[in-house]
């Protein structure tokens, strides 16, 4: 199932936005150091996820969130879900 997701690292106080078909596999990859950005500090926790009908739709949403460059938008998504 395609998802757009947001991860949070409490030690870095940073968010990471991504999209994938298998959120559990992808979270394991992030927490095992296989992703460059997220390997800097682990663990990462899923704090928000949105289901989509296709991966291109999920990637479009991921791109939109990233282009906004807005922590406020991310926090708003997390708290209003």
C-alpha atoms as a PDB file:
ATOM      1  CA  UNK A   1       0.000   0.000   0.000  1.00  0.00           C
ATOM      2  CA  UNK A   2       1.488   3.370  -0.987  1.00  0.00           C
ATOM      3  CA  UNK A   3       2.060   5.903   1.766  1.00  0.00           C
ATOM      4  CA  UNK A   4       3.404   9.378   2.228  1.00  0.00           C
ATOM      5  CA  UNK A   5       4.942   9.416   5.688  1.00  0.00           C
ATOM      6  CA  UNK A   6       6.680  11.684   8.170  1.00  0.00           C
ATOM      7  CA  UNK A   7       9.366  10.434  10.533  1.00  0.00           C
ATOM      8  CA  UNK A   8      10.669  12.230  13.602  1.00  0.00           C
ATOM      9  CA  UNK A   9      13.999  11.977  15.414  1.00  0.00           C
ATOM     10  CA  UNK A  10      13.762  13.282  18.973  1.00  0.00           C
ATOM     11  CA  UNK A  11      17.563  13.394  19.349  1.00  0.00           C
ATOM     12  CA  UNK A  12      17.920  15.636  16.276  1.00  0.00           C
ATOM     13  CA  UNK A  13      14.518  17.319  16.638  1.00  0.00           C
ATOM     14  CA  UNK A  14      14.105  16.864  12.883  1.00  0.00           C
ATOM     15  CA  UNK A  15      11.463  15.503  10.554  1.00  0.00           C
ATOM     16  CA  UNK A  16      11.887  13.412   7.423  1.00  0.00           C
ATOM     17  CA  UNK A  17       9.239  13.154   4.689  1.00  0.00           C
ATOM     18  CA  UNK A  18       9.103  10.177   2.360  1.00  0.00           C
ATOM     19  CA  UNK A  19       6.893   7.944   0.232  1.00  0.00           C
ATOM     20  CA  UNK A  20       6.935   4.184  -0.227  1.00  0.00           C
ATOM     21  CA  UNK A  21       4.877   1.057  -0.806  1.00  0.00           C
ATOM     22  CA  UNK A  22       5.863  -0.772   2.389  1.00  0.00           C
ATOM     23  CA  UNK A  23       6.096   1.536   5.388  1.00  0.00           C
ATOM     24  CA  UNK A  24       7.368  -1.143   7.805  1.00  0.00           C
ATOM     25  CA  UNK A  25      10.219  -2.152   5.503  1.00  0.00           C
ATOM     26  CA  UNK A  26      11.091   1.477   4.869  1.00  0.00           C
ATOM     27  CA  UNK A  27      11.115   2.349   8.587  1.00  0.00           C
ATOM     28  CA  UNK A  28      13.465  -0.590   9.197  1.00  0.00           C
ATOM     29  CA  UNK A  29      15.767   0.748   6.467  1.00  0.00           C
ATOM     30  CA  UNK A  30      15.783   4.206   8.058  1.00  0.00           C
ATOM     31  CA  UNK A  31      16.529   2.791  11.493  1.00  0.00           C
ATOM     32  CA  UNK A  32      19.272   0.463  10.263  1.00  0.00           C
ATOM     33  CA  UNK A  33      21.279   3.276   8.651  1.00  0.00           C
ATOM     34  CA  UNK A  34      20.544   2.407   5.005  1.00  0.00           C
ATOM     35  CA  UNK A  35      19.313   5.938   4.208  1.00  0.00           C
ATOM     36  CA  UNK A  36      21.933   8.680   4.104  1.00  0.00           C
ATOM     37  CA  UNK A  37      19.970  11.469   5.820  1.00  0.00           C
ATOM     38  CA  UNK A  38      18.351   9.320   8.479  1.00  0.00           C
ATOM     39  CA  UNK A  39      21.524   7.355   9.284  1.00  0.00           C
ATOM     40  CA  UNK A  40      22.907  10.374  11.176  1.00  0.00           C
ATOM     41  CA  UNK A  41      20.758   9.710  14.196  1.00  0.00           C
ATOM     42  CA  UNK A  42      18.423   6.865  15.010  1.00  0.00           C
ATOM     43  CA  UNK A  43      15.817   5.829  16.010  1.00  0.00           C
ATOM     44  CA  UNK A  44      13.181   7.427  13.818  1.00  0.00           C
ATOM     45  CA  UNK A  45       9.486   7.128  14.606  1.00  0.00           C
ATOM     46  CA  UNK A  46       6.544   7.345  12.212  1.00  0.00           C
ATOM     47  CA  UNK A  47       4.511  10.339  13.400  1.00  0.00           C
ATOM     48  CA  UNK A  48       2.214  10.711  10.388  1.00  0.00           C
ATOM     49  CA  UNK A  49       1.172   8.610   7.398  1.00  0.00           C
ATOM     50  CA  UNK A  50      -1.297   9.058   4.571  1.00  0.00           C
ATOM     51  CA  UNK A  51      -2.521   6.211   2.368  1.00  0.00           C
ATOM     52  CA  UNK A  52      -2.758   6.684  -1.413  1.00  0.00           C
ATOM     53  CA  UNK A  53      -4.040   4.556  -4.287  1.00  0.00           C
ATOM     54  CA  UNK A  54      -0.724   4.665  -6.140  1.00  0.00           C
ATOM     55  CA  UNK A  55       2.928   5.379  -5.411  1.00  0.00           C
ATOM     56  CA  UNK A  56       3.028   8.320  -7.869  1.00  0.00           C
ATOM     57  CA  UNK A  57       0.229   9.983  -5.861  1.00  0.00           C
ATOM     58  CA  UNK A  58       2.147   9.431  -2.612  1.00  0.00           C
ATOM     59  CA  UNK A  59       5.339  10.817  -4.176  1.00  0.00           C
ATOM     60  CA  UNK A  60       3.438  13.860  -5.413  1.00  0.00           C
ATOM     61  CA  UNK A  61       2.275  14.537  -1.843  1.00  0.00           C
ATOM     62  CA  UNK A  62       5.819  13.974  -0.525  1.00  0.00           C
ATOM     63  CA  UNK A  63       7.148  16.470  -3.064  1.00  0.00           C
ATOM     64  CA  UNK A  64       4.505  19.039  -2.134  1.00  0.00           C
ATOM     65  CA  UNK A  65       5.318  18.814   1.584  1.00  0.00           C
ATOM     66  CA  UNK A  66       9.078  19.051   0.952  1.00  0.00           C
ATOM     67  CA  UNK A  67       8.713  22.047  -1.389  1.00  0.00           C
ATOM     68  CA  UNK A  68       6.871  23.989   1.304  1.00  0.00           C
ATOM     69  CA  UNK A  69       9.977  23.814   3.528  1.00  0.00           C
ATOM     70  CA  UNK A  70       7.668  24.397   6.459  1.00  0.00           C
ATOM     71  CA  UNK A  71       8.098  22.789   9.844  1.00  0.00           C
ATOM     72  CA  UNK A  72       4.820  24.466  10.785  1.00  0.00           C
ATOM     73  CA  UNK A  73       3.012  22.585   7.977  1.00  0.00           C
ATOM     74  CA  UNK A  74       4.507  19.279   9.123  1.00  0.00           C
ATOM     75  CA  UNK A  75       3.538  19.868  12.758  1.00  0.00           C
ATOM     76  CA  UNK A  76       0.055  20.892  11.622  1.00  0.00           C
ATOM     77  CA  UNK A  77      -0.311  17.644   9.640  1.00  0.00           C
ATOM     78  CA  UNK A  78       0.792  15.612  12.646  1.00  0.00           C
ATOM     79  CA  UNK A  79      -1.448  17.321  15.190  1.00  0.00           C
ATOM     80  CA  UNK A  80      -4.578  17.485  13.012  1.00  0.00           C
ATOM     81  CA  UNK A  81      -4.715  13.826  12.119  1.00  0.00           C
END
